[in-house]
Amino acid sequence: MKSVFGVLLVTLLVFSFYIENKSDPTSLSKSTFQQAEAYDQLIDIEEGEVSETTPVDHLPGPNVGDRAINFKLDSLDGKSITLSELKGKKVIVNFWATWCPPCKEEMPVMQEFYTKYGKEVEVLAINIDPQYNVKEYQKSLGLTFPILLDTDDKINNAYDILTVPTTFVINEQGIITHKQIGAITNIDSLTALIK
């Protein structure tokens, strides 16, 4: 069914380009047919399969090179933190949940990084399930970096988070320089992202 649809779409594209350019047959360039091939390639991808040619930076939400979406959230200790107020400093924004095993694996790495580089790089961990006992979770893991509570899912939705953990590295100008989907499992990997 998909290949029939693909053939029909390619035929329709070629036909529409021909009709638009029939007064000048030489205007059907090579790029016209490359576009048609690209459409055919996209159609042949099986349901749920990602094209190998799909760039990582076309994932939903903000990506590398985009300006980070500003937010203001309360931390576990009751302070309000606004991302834009940290301009001039590198920031790691990490989305996580208490029920997420990879997040639990990643938290000691974040803590080690914060202990070592916390004066130079701010770490903000945005919890997306504040209805659970986040304070107890923080205590049990000995976390000292700011944990922010996204109580109404507004920031989670603004960043279009599909899976946790997801981490953004933001430079001094507020531009995203790295987007990591999945756990960062060692400090060297995290350190490499801020250079």
N, C-alpha and C. Protein backbone atom coordinates (compact mmCIF):
# COMPACT_ATOMS: atom_id res chain seq x y z
N MET A 1 0.83 -1.19 0.00
CA MET A 1 0.00 0.00 0.00
C MET A 1 0.87 1.26 0.00
N LYS A 2 1.92 1.24 0.87
CA LYS A 2 2.80 2.41 0.95
C LYS A 2 3.54 2.65 -0.35
N SER A 3 4.00 1.57 -0.99
CA SER A 3 4.75 1.76 -2.24
C SER A 3 3.83 2.25 -3.36
N VAL A 4 2.57 1.83 -3.35
CA VAL A 4 1.61 2.33 -4.35
C VAL A 4 1.40 3.82 -4.12
N PHE A 5 1.21 4.19 -2.85
CA PHE A 5 1.04 5.61 -2.52
C PHE A 5 2.29 6.40 -2.92
N GLY A 6 3.47 5.82 -2.69
CA GLY A 6 4.72 6.48 -3.05
C GLY A 6 4.84 6.73 -4.54
N VAL A 7 4.48 5.72 -5.33
CA VAL A 7 4.54 5.84 -6.79
C VAL A 7 3.56 6.91 -7.25
N LEU A 8 2.35 6.89 -6.68
CA LEU A 8 1.35 7.91 -7.04
C LEU A 8 1.83 9.31 -6.69
N LEU A 9 2.43 9.46 -5.53
CA LEU A 9 2.91 10.77 -5.11
C LEU A 9 4.03 11.27 -6.03
N VAL A 10 4.97 10.40 -6.35
CA VAL A 10 6.07 10.78 -7.24
C VAL A 10 5.52 11.14 -8.62
N THR A 11 4.58 10.34 -9.12
CA THR A 11 3.97 10.62 -10.43
C THR A 11 3.28 11.98 -10.40
N LEU A 12 2.53 12.24 -9.34
CA LEU A 12 1.83 13.52 -9.20
C LEU A 12 2.83 14.68 -9.15
N LEU A 13 3.92 14.51 -8.43
CA LEU A 13 4.93 15.57 -8.35
C LEU A 13 5.56 15.86 -9.71
N VAL A 14 5.95 14.80 -10.39
CA VAL A 14 6.57 14.97 -11.70
C VAL A 14 5.57 15.60 -12.67
N PHE A 15 4.33 15.14 -12.65
CA PHE A 15 3.31 15.68 -13.53
C PHE A 15 3.06 17.16 -13.24
N SER A 16 2.98 17.52 -11.95
CA SER A 16 2.72 18.93 -11.61
C SER A 16 3.88 19.81 -12.03
N PHE A 17 5.11 19.32 -11.89
CA PHE A 17 6.26 20.10 -12.36
C PHE A 17 6.24 20.24 -13.88
N TYR A 18 5.81 19.16 -14.56
CA TYR A 18 5.75 19.20 -16.02
C TYR A 18 4.71 20.24 -16.48
N ILE A 19 3.54 20.21 -15.85
CA ILE A 19 2.48 21.15 -16.23
C ILE A 19 2.94 22.59 -16.00
N GLU A 20 3.58 22.84 -14.84
CA GLU A 20 4.06 24.20 -14.52
C GLU A 20 5.12 24.66 -15.51
N ASN A 21 5.89 23.74 -16.04
CA ASN A 21 7.03 24.10 -16.87
C ASN A 21 6.90 23.64 -18.32
N LYS A 22 5.67 23.34 -18.79
CA LYS A 22 5.55 22.78 -20.13
C LYS A 22 5.93 23.76 -21.23
N SER A 23 5.87 25.07 -20.92
CA SER A 23 6.27 26.03 -21.95
C SER A 23 7.78 25.98 -22.19
N ASP A 24 8.53 25.50 -21.20
CA ASP A 24 9.99 25.40 -21.32
C ASP A 24 10.43 24.03 -20.80
N PRO A 25 10.47 23.03 -21.67
CA PRO A 25 10.80 21.67 -21.23
C PRO A 25 12.19 21.56 -20.61
N THR A 26 13.10 22.46 -20.91
CA THR A 26 14.44 22.38 -20.32
C THR A 26 14.46 22.82 -18.86
N SER A 27 13.33 23.40 -18.39
CA SER A 27 13.31 23.88 -17.01
C SER A 27 13.13 22.76 -15.98
N LEU A 28 12.83 21.52 -16.46
CA LEU A 28 12.77 20.39 -15.53
C LEU A 28 14.21 19.98 -15.19
N SER A 29 14.67 20.50 -14.11
CA SER A 29 16.08 20.30 -13.75
C SER A 29 16.29 18.97 -13.05
N LYS A 30 17.54 18.65 -12.85
CA LYS A 30 17.92 17.44 -12.13
C LYS A 30 17.41 17.49 -10.70
N SER A 31 17.41 18.70 -10.08
CA SER A 31 16.96 18.83 -8.69
C SER A 31 15.49 18.49 -8.55
N THR A 32 14.70 18.70 -9.60
CA THR A 32 13.27 18.36 -9.57
C THR A 32 13.11 16.87 -9.33
N PHE A 33 13.91 16.06 -10.04
CA PHE A 33 13.81 14.61 -9.89
C PHE A 33 14.43 14.14 -8.58
N GLN A 34 15.44 14.85 -8.08
CA GLN A 34 16.01 14.50 -6.78
C GLN A 34 14.99 14.72 -5.68
N GLN A 35 14.18 15.80 -5.81
CA GLN A 35 13.13 16.05 -4.82
C GLN A 35 12.12 14.90 -4.85
N ALA A 36 11.76 14.47 -6.03
CA ALA A 36 10.80 13.37 -6.15
C ALA A 36 11.36 12.11 -5.52
N GLU A 37 12.65 11.83 -5.74
CA GLU A 37 13.29 10.66 -5.13
C GLU A 37 13.28 10.76 -3.62
N ALA A 38 13.49 11.97 -3.10
CA ALA A 38 13.50 12.17 -1.65
C ALA A 38 12.13 11.84 -1.07
N TYR A 39 11.06 12.26 -1.77
CA TYR A 39 9.71 11.94 -1.31
C TYR A 39 9.51 10.43 -1.30
N ASP A 40 9.96 9.77 -2.35
CA ASP A 40 9.81 8.32 -2.44
C ASP A 40 10.54 7.64 -1.30
N GLN A 41 11.73 8.14 -0.98
CA GLN A 41 12.54 7.56 0.10
C GLN A 41 11.80 7.68 1.43
N LEU A 42 11.18 8.83 1.69
CA LEU A 42 10.47 9.03 2.94
C LEU A 42 9.27 8.10 3.05
N ILE A 43 8.61 7.86 1.94
CA ILE A 43 7.41 7.03 1.95
C ILE A 43 7.77 5.57 2.22
N ASP A 44 8.94 5.12 1.79
CA ASP A 44 9.33 3.73 1.95
C ASP A 44 9.74 3.37 3.38
N ILE A 45 9.84 4.36 4.25
CA ILE A 45 10.20 4.06 5.64
C ILE A 45 9.04 3.34 6.31
N GLU A 46 9.33 2.23 6.96
CA GLU A 46 8.28 1.47 7.64
C GLU A 46 7.75 2.26 8.82
N GLU A 47 6.54 1.97 9.22
CA GLU A 47 5.90 2.62 10.37
C GLU A 47 6.79 2.48 11.61
N GLY A 48 7.09 3.60 12.27
CA GLY A 48 7.89 3.57 13.49
C GLY A 48 9.38 3.54 13.24
N GLU A 49 9.81 3.40 11.99
CA GLU A 49 11.23 3.33 11.68
C GLU A 49 11.72 4.73 11.34
N VAL A 50 12.93 5.05 11.77
CA VAL A 50 13.48 6.38 11.49
C VAL A 50 14.42 6.28 10.31
N SER A 51 14.30 7.21 9.39
CA SER A 51 15.19 7.23 8.25
C SER A 51 16.62 7.47 8.72
N GLU A 52 17.57 6.75 8.14
CA GLU A 52 18.97 6.95 8.51
C GLU A 52 19.45 8.33 8.12
N THR A 53 18.76 8.97 7.20
CA THR A 53 19.19 10.29 6.76
C THR A 53 18.54 11.42 7.57
N THR A 54 17.65 11.07 8.52
CA THR A 54 17.00 12.11 9.32
C THR A 54 18.01 12.70 10.30
N PRO A 55 18.31 13.99 10.20
CA PRO A 55 19.28 14.59 11.12
C PRO A 55 18.72 14.63 12.54
N VAL A 56 19.60 14.46 13.52
CA VAL A 56 19.21 14.46 14.92
C VAL A 56 18.60 15.80 15.30
N ASP A 57 19.05 16.88 14.68
CA ASP A 57 18.57 18.20 15.09
C ASP A 57 17.18 18.53 14.55
N HIS A 58 16.48 17.55 13.99
CA HIS A 58 15.11 17.78 13.56
C HIS A 58 14.13 17.06 14.47
N LEU A 59 14.55 16.80 15.70
CA LEU A 59 13.66 16.20 16.68
C LEU A 59 12.70 17.27 17.16
N PRO A 60 11.57 16.87 17.74
CA PRO A 60 10.63 17.86 18.27
C PRO A 60 11.28 18.72 19.36
N GLY A 61 10.76 19.91 19.52
CA GLY A 61 11.27 20.80 20.57
C GLY A 61 12.51 21.55 20.11
N PRO A 62 13.07 22.36 21.00
CA PRO A 62 14.27 23.12 20.63
C PRO A 62 15.45 22.18 20.38
N ASN A 63 16.30 22.57 19.44
CA ASN A 63 17.45 21.75 19.07
C ASN A 63 18.71 22.60 19.07
N VAL A 64 19.83 21.97 18.76
CA VAL A 64 21.12 22.65 18.72
C VAL A 64 21.03 23.84 17.77
N GLY A 65 21.50 24.99 18.25
CA GLY A 65 21.47 26.22 17.47
C GLY A 65 20.28 27.10 17.78
N ASP A 66 19.26 26.54 18.45
CA ASP A 66 18.08 27.32 18.83
C ASP A 66 18.36 28.07 20.14
N ARG A 67 17.64 29.16 20.33
CA ARG A 67 17.68 29.86 21.61
C ARG A 67 16.88 29.02 22.61
N ALA A 68 17.44 28.82 23.79
CA ALA A 68 16.74 28.06 24.83
C ALA A 68 15.47 28.80 25.23
N ILE A 69 14.41 28.06 25.45
CA ILE A 69 13.14 28.65 25.88
C ILE A 69 13.29 29.07 27.33
N ASN A 70 12.99 30.32 27.60
CA ASN A 70 13.13 30.84 28.97
C ASN A 70 12.05 30.24 29.86
N PHE A 71 12.36 30.10 31.14
CA PHE A 71 11.38 29.61 32.11
C PHE A 71 11.70 30.15 33.49
N LYS A 72 10.70 30.13 34.33
CA LYS A 72 10.85 30.49 35.74
C LYS A 72 10.16 29.40 36.54
N LEU A 73 10.92 28.69 37.37
CA LEU A 73 10.38 27.59 38.17
C LEU A 73 10.87 27.70 39.60
N ASP A 74 10.09 27.13 40.52
CA ASP A 74 10.51 27.07 41.91
C ASP A 74 11.35 25.83 42.13
N SER A 75 12.37 25.99 42.97
CA SER A 75 13.24 24.86 43.32
C SER A 75 12.67 24.16 44.56
N LEU A 76 13.23 23.02 44.88
CA LEU A 76 12.81 22.27 46.06
C LEU A 76 12.95 23.08 47.34
N ASP A 77 13.94 23.98 47.37
CA ASP A 77 14.14 24.78 48.58
C ASP A 77 13.34 26.08 48.56
N GLY A 78 12.41 26.21 47.59
CA GLY A 78 11.50 27.35 47.58
C GLY A 78 11.97 28.59 46.85
N LYS A 79 13.16 28.55 46.26
CA LYS A 79 13.65 29.71 45.49
C LYS A 79 13.12 29.65 44.07
N SER A 80 12.88 30.83 43.48
CA SER A 80 12.50 30.88 42.06
C SER A 80 13.76 31.06 41.23
N ILE A 81 13.88 30.27 40.18
CA ILE A 81 15.03 30.38 39.28
C ILE A 81 14.52 30.65 37.88
N THR A 82 15.08 31.69 37.25
CA THR A 82 14.73 32.06 35.88
C THR A 82 15.95 31.80 35.00
N LEU A 83 15.75 31.05 33.93
CA LEU A 83 16.86 30.69 33.06
C LEU A 83 17.58 31.92 32.51
N SER A 84 16.84 32.91 32.05
CA SER A 84 17.46 34.09 31.42
C SER A 84 18.36 34.87 32.39
N GLU A 85 18.14 34.73 33.69
CA GLU A 85 18.99 35.41 34.67
C GLU A 85 20.38 34.78 34.76
N LEU A 86 20.54 33.61 34.16
CA LEU A 86 21.83 32.92 34.18
C LEU A 86 22.65 33.23 32.92
N LYS A 87 22.16 34.16 32.10
CA LYS A 87 22.89 34.53 30.88
C LYS A 87 24.30 34.97 31.27
N GLY A 88 25.28 34.56 30.48
CA GLY A 88 26.68 34.84 30.80
C GLY A 88 27.36 33.65 31.46
N LYS A 89 26.58 32.60 31.73
CA LYS A 89 27.11 31.38 32.33
C LYS A 89 26.58 30.19 31.55
N LYS A 90 27.39 29.15 31.38
CA LYS A 90 26.90 27.92 30.74
C LYS A 90 25.93 27.24 31.70
N VAL A 91 24.90 26.64 31.13
CA VAL A 91 23.86 25.99 31.93
C VAL A 91 23.56 24.61 31.35
N ILE A 92 23.43 23.64 32.23
CA ILE A 92 22.95 22.31 31.85
C ILE A 92 21.53 22.20 32.39
N VAL A 93 20.57 21.96 31.50
CA VAL A 93 19.17 21.78 31.90
C VAL A 93 18.84 20.31 31.64
N ASN A 94 18.47 19.62 32.71
CA ASN A 94 18.22 18.19 32.64
C ASN A 94 16.77 17.91 33.05
N PHE A 95 16.00 17.27 32.16
CA PHE A 95 14.63 16.87 32.47
C PHE A 95 14.66 15.43 32.97
N TRP A 96 14.00 15.16 34.09
CA TRP A 96 14.06 13.84 34.70
C TRP A 96 12.80 13.56 35.51
N ALA A 97 12.65 12.28 35.93
CA ALA A 97 11.52 11.87 36.76
C ALA A 97 12.00 10.86 37.80
N THR A 98 11.30 10.79 38.93
CA THR A 98 11.69 9.88 40.01
C THR A 98 11.50 8.41 39.62
N TRP A 99 10.55 8.11 38.71
CA TRP A 99 10.26 6.74 38.32
C TRP A 99 11.19 6.21 37.23
N CYS A 100 12.13 7.04 36.77
CA CYS A 100 12.94 6.73 35.60
C CYS A 100 14.30 6.11 36.00
N PRO A 101 14.52 4.80 35.74
CA PRO A 101 15.81 4.17 36.10
C PRO A 101 17.03 4.83 35.45
N PRO A 102 17.00 5.20 34.14
CA PRO A 102 18.18 5.87 33.58
C PRO A 102 18.47 7.22 34.25
N CYS A 103 17.40 7.90 34.72
CA CYS A 103 17.61 9.17 35.43
C CYS A 103 18.36 8.92 36.73
N LYS A 104 17.96 7.86 37.43
CA LYS A 104 18.61 7.52 38.71
C LYS A 104 20.08 7.17 38.48
N GLU A 105 20.36 6.52 37.37
CA GLU A 105 21.74 6.17 37.01
C GLU A 105 22.54 7.43 36.68
N GLU A 106 21.88 8.41 36.08
CA GLU A 106 22.56 9.63 35.63
C GLU A 106 22.80 10.63 36.77
N MET A 107 21.95 10.64 37.78
CA MET A 107 22.03 11.65 38.84
C MET A 107 23.39 11.71 39.54
N PRO A 108 24.02 10.58 39.89
CA PRO A 108 25.36 10.67 40.50
C PRO A 108 26.39 11.34 39.58
N VAL A 109 26.25 11.15 38.26
CA VAL A 109 27.13 11.79 37.29
C VAL A 109 26.92 13.30 37.33
N MET A 110 25.64 13.72 37.36
CA MET A 110 25.32 15.15 37.45
C MET A 110 25.89 15.74 38.74
N GLN A 111 25.76 14.99 39.84
CA GLN A 111 26.27 15.48 41.13
C GLN A 111 27.78 15.61 41.11
N GLU A 112 28.46 14.61 40.56
CA GLU A 112 29.93 14.65 40.47
C GLU A 112 30.36 15.86 39.63
N PHE A 113 29.66 16.06 38.51
CA PHE A 113 29.96 17.20 37.63
C PHE A 113 29.74 18.52 38.38
N TYR A 114 28.61 18.63 39.08
CA TYR A 114 28.28 19.86 39.81
C TYR A 114 29.30 20.15 40.90
N THR A 115 29.73 19.12 41.60
CA THR A 115 30.74 19.29 42.64
C THR A 115 32.03 19.83 42.05
N LYS A 116 32.39 19.33 40.87
CA LYS A 116 33.65 19.72 40.23
C LYS A 116 33.57 21.05 39.49
N TYR A 117 32.44 21.31 38.79
CA TYR A 117 32.35 22.47 37.90
C TYR A 117 31.22 23.45 38.24
N GLY A 118 30.57 23.27 39.38
CA GLY A 118 29.40 24.06 39.74
C GLY A 118 29.60 25.57 39.78
N LYS A 119 30.83 26.02 39.99
CA LYS A 119 31.09 27.46 40.00
C LYS A 119 31.10 28.04 38.58
N GLU A 120 31.46 27.20 37.61
CA GLU A 120 31.56 27.65 36.22
C GLU A 120 30.31 27.34 35.40
N VAL A 121 29.65 26.23 35.70
CA VAL A 121 28.50 25.77 34.93
C VAL A 121 27.34 25.49 35.88
N GLU A 122 26.19 26.09 35.61
CA GLU A 122 25.01 25.84 36.45
C GLU A 122 24.32 24.57 35.98
N VAL A 123 23.87 23.77 36.92
CA VAL A 123 23.10 22.57 36.62
C VAL A 123 21.69 22.77 37.17
N LEU A 124 20.70 22.66 36.29
CA LEU A 124 19.29 22.77 36.69
C LEU A 124 18.60 21.47 36.30
N ALA A 125 18.11 20.76 37.29
CA ALA A 125 17.42 19.49 37.04
C ALA A 125 15.92 19.74 37.17
N ILE A 126 15.19 19.65 36.07
CA ILE A 126 13.75 19.91 36.07
C ILE A 126 13.01 18.59 36.25
N ASN A 127 12.35 18.46 37.40
CA ASN A 127 11.59 17.26 37.70
C ASN A 127 10.20 17.38 37.10
N ILE A 128 9.78 16.32 36.37
CA ILE A 128 8.48 16.37 35.69
C ILE A 128 7.40 15.57 36.43
N ASP A 129 7.73 15.01 37.61
CA ASP A 129 6.69 14.31 38.39
C ASP A 129 6.71 14.77 39.85
N PRO A 130 6.48 16.08 40.07
CA PRO A 130 6.59 16.63 41.42
C PRO A 130 5.52 16.13 42.40
N GLN A 131 4.54 15.37 41.91
CA GLN A 131 3.53 14.81 42.80
C GLN A 131 4.13 13.70 43.69
N TYR A 132 5.30 13.20 43.32
CA TYR A 132 5.98 12.19 44.13
C TYR A 132 6.94 12.88 45.08
N ASN A 133 7.56 12.11 45.97
CA ASN A 133 8.40 12.68 47.01
C ASN A 133 9.80 12.99 46.47
N VAL A 134 9.90 14.09 45.76
CA VAL A 134 11.15 14.49 45.13
C VAL A 134 12.20 14.84 46.18
N LYS A 135 11.75 15.44 47.27
CA LYS A 135 12.68 15.83 48.36
C LYS A 135 13.38 14.59 48.93
N GLU A 136 12.65 13.53 49.14
CA GLU A 136 13.21 12.27 49.66
C GLU A 136 14.20 11.68 48.64
N TYR A 137 13.84 11.76 47.37
CA TYR A 137 14.70 11.27 46.29
C TYR A 137 16.03 12.04 46.30
N GLN A 138 15.92 13.36 46.41
CA GLN A 138 17.11 14.23 46.45
C GLN A 138 18.01 13.85 47.62
N LYS A 139 17.39 13.66 48.79
CA LYS A 139 18.16 13.31 50.00
C LYS A 139 18.84 11.96 49.85
N SER A 140 18.11 10.97 49.35
CA SER A 140 18.65 9.61 49.24
C SER A 140 19.85 9.54 48.30
N LEU A 141 19.87 10.41 47.29
CA LEU A 141 21.00 10.40 46.35
C LEU A 141 22.06 11.45 46.69
N GLY A 142 21.80 12.27 47.71
CA GLY A 142 22.77 13.30 48.12
C GLY A 142 22.99 14.38 47.07
N LEU A 143 21.91 14.82 46.42
CA LEU A 143 22.02 15.81 45.35
C LEU A 143 22.02 17.23 45.92
N THR A 144 22.96 18.05 45.46
CA THR A 144 23.06 19.42 45.97
C THR A 144 22.79 20.48 44.90
N PHE A 145 22.67 20.09 43.63
CA PHE A 145 22.37 21.06 42.57
C PHE A 145 20.87 21.38 42.62
N PRO A 146 20.47 22.53 42.05
CA PRO A 146 19.06 22.92 42.10
C PRO A 146 18.14 21.95 41.37
N ILE A 147 17.10 21.53 42.07
CA ILE A 147 16.06 20.71 41.47
C ILE A 147 14.82 21.57 41.36
N LEU A 148 14.36 21.76 40.13
CA LEU A 148 13.20 22.61 39.86
C LEU A 148 11.97 21.75 39.62
N LEU A 149 10.82 22.25 40.04
CA LEU A 149 9.58 21.48 39.94
C LEU A 149 8.68 22.04 38.84
N ASP A 150 8.43 21.24 37.83
CA ASP A 150 7.53 21.64 36.73
C ASP A 150 6.13 21.14 37.08
N THR A 151 5.47 21.84 38.00
CA THR A 151 4.21 21.36 38.58
C THR A 151 3.07 21.28 37.58
N ASP A 152 3.06 22.12 36.56
CA ASP A 152 1.95 22.10 35.60
C ASP A 152 2.37 21.60 34.22
N ASP A 153 3.54 21.00 34.12
CA ASP A 153 4.05 20.44 32.85
C ASP A 153 4.26 21.49 31.77
N LYS A 154 4.26 22.74 32.12
CA LYS A 154 4.37 23.81 31.12
C LYS A 154 5.74 23.80 30.43
N ILE A 155 6.80 23.63 31.21
CA ILE A 155 8.16 23.66 30.63
C ILE A 155 8.44 22.35 29.89
N ASN A 156 8.02 21.25 30.48
CA ASN A 156 8.13 19.95 29.82
C ASN A 156 7.49 20.00 28.44
N ASN A 157 6.30 20.59 28.36
CA ASN A 157 5.60 20.71 27.07
C ASN A 157 6.28 21.72 26.14
N ALA A 158 6.75 22.83 26.70
CA ALA A 158 7.42 23.84 25.87
C ALA A 158 8.67 23.28 25.20
N TYR A 159 9.40 22.44 25.93
CA TYR A 159 10.61 21.81 25.38
C TYR A 159 10.28 20.54 24.61
N ASP A 160 9.01 20.14 24.59
CA ASP A 160 8.55 18.97 23.84
C ASP A 160 9.37 17.73 24.20
N ILE A 161 9.47 17.45 25.50
CA ILE A 161 10.26 16.32 25.97
C ILE A 161 9.51 15.02 25.68
N LEU A 162 10.15 14.15 24.90
CA LEU A 162 9.55 12.87 24.52
C LEU A 162 9.94 11.76 25.47
N THR A 163 11.13 11.87 26.05
CA THR A 163 11.63 10.84 26.95
C THR A 163 12.56 11.46 27.97
N VAL A 164 12.62 10.85 29.15
CA VAL A 164 13.56 11.31 30.17
C VAL A 164 14.57 10.20 30.41
N PRO A 165 15.80 10.58 30.71
CA PRO A 165 16.29 11.95 30.81
C PRO A 165 16.57 12.57 29.43
N THR A 166 16.39 13.86 29.36
CA THR A 166 16.82 14.66 28.22
C THR A 166 17.58 15.85 28.78
N THR A 167 18.76 16.11 28.21
CA THR A 167 19.64 17.15 28.73
C THR A 167 20.00 18.13 27.62
N PHE A 168 19.95 19.42 27.97
CA PHE A 168 20.35 20.49 27.07
C PHE A 168 21.56 21.20 27.67
N VAL A 169 22.55 21.49 26.83
CA VAL A 169 23.67 22.34 27.24
C VAL A 169 23.44 23.68 26.56
N ILE A 170 23.44 24.74 27.37
CA ILE A 170 23.13 26.10 26.88
C ILE A 170 24.35 26.97 27.12
N ASN A 171 24.79 27.69 26.09
CA ASN A 171 25.99 28.52 26.24
C ASN A 171 25.67 29.85 26.93
N GLU A 172 26.69 30.67 27.06
CA GLU A 172 26.58 31.94 27.78
C GLU A 172 25.60 32.91 27.12
N GLN A 173 25.31 32.73 25.84
CA GLN A 173 24.38 33.61 25.12
C GLN A 173 22.95 33.05 25.11
N GLY A 174 22.73 31.91 25.76
CA GLY A 174 21.39 31.32 25.80
C GLY A 174 21.07 30.43 24.62
N ILE A 175 22.09 30.01 23.86
CA ILE A 175 21.90 29.15 22.68
C ILE A 175 22.20 27.70 23.06
N ILE A 176 21.37 26.78 22.58
CA ILE A 176 21.57 25.36 22.85
C ILE A 176 22.74 24.86 22.00
N THR A 177 23.75 24.31 22.68
CA THR A 177 24.93 23.79 21.98
C THR A 177 24.94 22.27 21.91
N HIS A 178 24.10 21.63 22.73
CA HIS A 178 24.01 20.17 22.70
C HIS A 178 22.67 19.73 23.25
N LYS A 179 22.12 18.68 22.65
CA LYS A 179 20.87 18.07 23.13
C LYS A 179 21.12 16.57 23.25
N GLN A 180 20.99 16.05 24.45
CA GLN A 180 21.24 14.63 24.70
C GLN A 180 19.94 13.96 25.13
N ILE A 181 19.48 13.01 24.36
CA ILE A 181 18.31 12.23 24.73
C ILE A 181 18.82 10.90 25.27
N GLY A 182 18.49 10.61 26.51
CA GLY A 182 19.00 9.42 27.18
C GLY A 182 20.04 9.80 28.22
N ALA A 183 20.40 8.83 29.04
CA ALA A 183 21.27 9.08 30.19
C ALA A 183 22.71 9.37 29.77
N ILE A 184 23.32 10.28 30.51
CA ILE A 184 24.76 10.53 30.41
C ILE A 184 25.38 9.72 31.53
N THR A 185 26.16 8.72 31.20
CA THR A 185 26.56 7.73 32.20
C THR A 185 27.95 7.92 32.80
N ASN A 186 28.70 8.92 32.30
CA ASN A 186 30.00 9.19 32.95
C ASN A 186 30.36 10.66 32.84
N ILE A 187 31.16 11.11 33.78
CA ILE A 187 31.48 12.53 33.87
C ILE A 187 32.27 13.03 32.65
N ASP A 188 33.08 12.16 32.06
CA ASP A 188 33.86 12.58 30.89
C ASP A 188 32.94 12.95 29.72
N SER A 189 31.87 12.18 29.53
CA SER A 189 30.91 12.49 28.46
C SER A 189 30.24 13.83 28.71
N LEU A 190 29.90 14.08 29.98
CA LEU A 190 29.24 15.34 30.33
C LEU A 190 30.21 16.51 30.19
N THR A 191 31.43 16.33 30.64
CA THR A 191 32.44 17.37 30.55
C THR A 191 32.72 17.74 29.10
N ALA A 192 32.75 16.74 28.22
CA ALA A 192 33.01 16.97 26.79
C ALA A 192 31.93 17.86 26.17
N LEU A 193 30.71 17.78 26.69
CA LEU A 193 29.59 18.55 26.12
C LEU A 193 29.70 20.04 26.40
N ILE A 194 30.42 20.42 27.43
CA ILE A 194 30.46 21.86 27.77
C ILE A 194 31.63 22.58 27.16
N LYS A 195 32.51 21.86 26.45
CA LYS A 195 33.68 22.50 25.85
C LYS A 195 33.34 23.14 24.53
